[in-house]
């Protein structure tokens, strides 16, 4: 039995400082298309 698929509703972005580089970084999480992902 598998779990129902889930994704996020809209893109989410984060800005910060890289842990090892100390450089500014941007991350964006985007919703996955149906039947993709882990």
N, C-alpha and C. Protein backbone atom coordinates (compact mmCIF):
# COMPACT_ATOMS: atom_id res chain seq x y z
N UNK A 1 0.85 -1.18 0.00
CA UNK A 1 0.00 0.00 0.00
C UNK A 1 0.89 1.24 0.00
N UNK A 2 0.63 2.18 -0.91
CA UNK A 2 1.45 3.39 -0.97
C UNK A 2 0.67 4.58 -0.43
N UNK A 3 1.41 5.60 -0.02
CA UNK A 3 0.80 6.81 0.52
C UNK A 3 0.29 7.68 -0.63
N UNK A 4 -0.75 8.48 -0.40
CA UNK A 4 -1.20 9.42 -1.42
C UNK A 4 -0.09 10.42 -1.75
N UNK A 5 -0.04 10.83 -3.01
CA UNK A 5 0.98 11.80 -3.42
C UNK A 5 0.70 13.16 -2.81
N UNK A 6 1.78 13.88 -2.50
CA UNK A 6 1.66 15.24 -1.97
C UNK A 6 2.72 16.12 -2.60
N UNK A 7 2.43 17.39 -2.71
CA UNK A 7 3.40 18.38 -3.16
C UNK A 7 3.07 19.71 -2.49
N UNK A 8 3.92 20.69 -2.68
CA UNK A 8 3.63 22.01 -2.13
C UNK A 8 2.72 22.76 -3.11
N UNK A 9 1.97 23.71 -2.61
CA UNK A 9 0.99 24.44 -3.41
C UNK A 9 1.63 25.44 -4.36
N UNK A 10 2.67 26.13 -3.89
CA UNK A 10 3.32 27.15 -4.72
C UNK A 10 4.81 27.17 -4.41
N UNK A 11 5.58 27.84 -5.26
CA UNK A 11 7.02 27.92 -5.06
C UNK A 11 7.34 28.67 -3.76
N UNK A 12 8.39 28.22 -3.09
CA UNK A 12 8.85 28.83 -1.84
C UNK A 12 10.33 29.15 -2.02
N UNK A 13 10.75 30.35 -1.66
CA UNK A 13 12.16 30.70 -1.80
C UNK A 13 12.75 31.14 -0.47
N UNK A 14 14.02 30.85 -0.30
CA UNK A 14 14.78 31.23 0.88
C UNK A 14 16.07 31.89 0.44
N UNK A 15 16.52 32.87 1.21
CA UNK A 15 17.81 33.51 0.97
C UNK A 15 18.60 33.45 2.26
N UNK A 16 19.91 33.29 2.13
CA UNK A 16 20.73 33.24 3.33
C UNK A 16 22.20 33.24 2.97
N UNK A 17 23.01 32.81 3.91
CA UNK A 17 24.46 32.73 3.74
C UNK A 17 24.86 31.26 3.73
N UNK A 18 25.66 30.86 2.74
CA UNK A 18 26.12 29.48 2.62
C UNK A 18 26.92 29.05 3.84
N UNK A 19 26.65 27.86 4.33
CA UNK A 19 27.29 27.35 5.54
C UNK A 19 28.81 27.23 5.38
N UNK A 20 29.27 26.69 4.26
CA UNK A 20 30.70 26.47 4.07
C UNK A 20 31.37 27.59 3.27
N UNK A 21 30.62 28.19 2.33
CA UNK A 21 31.22 29.22 1.47
C UNK A 21 31.15 30.61 2.07
N UNK A 22 30.16 30.87 2.91
CA UNK A 22 29.96 32.21 3.44
C UNK A 22 29.40 33.17 2.42
N UNK A 23 29.07 32.66 1.23
CA UNK A 23 28.53 33.47 0.14
C UNK A 23 27.00 33.53 0.24
N UNK A 24 26.38 34.60 -0.29
CA UNK A 24 24.92 34.66 -0.34
C UNK A 24 24.38 33.54 -1.24
N UNK A 25 23.31 32.91 -0.81
CA UNK A 25 22.69 31.83 -1.59
C UNK A 25 21.18 32.06 -1.67
N UNK A 26 20.58 31.52 -2.73
CA UNK A 26 19.13 31.52 -2.92
C UNK A 26 18.69 30.09 -3.19
N UNK A 27 17.61 29.66 -2.56
CA UNK A 27 17.03 28.35 -2.82
C UNK A 27 15.58 28.55 -3.19
N UNK A 28 15.10 27.75 -4.17
CA UNK A 28 13.70 27.81 -4.55
C UNK A 28 13.17 26.38 -4.60
N UNK A 29 12.11 26.12 -3.85
CA UNK A 29 11.40 24.84 -3.89
C UNK A 29 10.17 25.05 -4.75
N UNK A 30 10.01 24.22 -5.79
CA UNK A 30 8.89 24.36 -6.71
C UNK A 30 8.02 23.11 -6.63
N UNK A 31 6.70 23.26 -6.84
CA UNK A 31 5.82 22.09 -6.83
C UNK A 31 6.25 21.08 -7.89
N UNK A 32 6.16 19.81 -7.57
CA UNK A 32 6.52 18.75 -8.51
C UNK A 32 5.33 18.40 -9.40
N UNK A 33 5.60 18.06 -10.66
CA UNK A 33 4.52 17.57 -11.52
C UNK A 33 3.98 16.24 -10.98
N UNK A 34 2.79 15.88 -11.39
CA UNK A 34 2.19 14.62 -10.95
C UNK A 34 3.06 13.43 -11.34
N UNK A 35 3.05 12.42 -10.48
CA UNK A 35 3.75 11.14 -10.71
C UNK A 35 5.26 11.31 -10.87
N UNK A 36 5.86 12.29 -10.18
CA UNK A 36 7.31 12.45 -10.18
C UNK A 36 7.79 12.59 -8.75
N UNK A 37 9.09 12.57 -8.56
CA UNK A 37 9.64 12.77 -7.23
C UNK A 37 10.02 11.47 -6.56
N UNK A 38 10.29 11.57 -5.28
CA UNK A 38 10.77 10.41 -4.51
C UNK A 38 9.61 9.50 -4.18
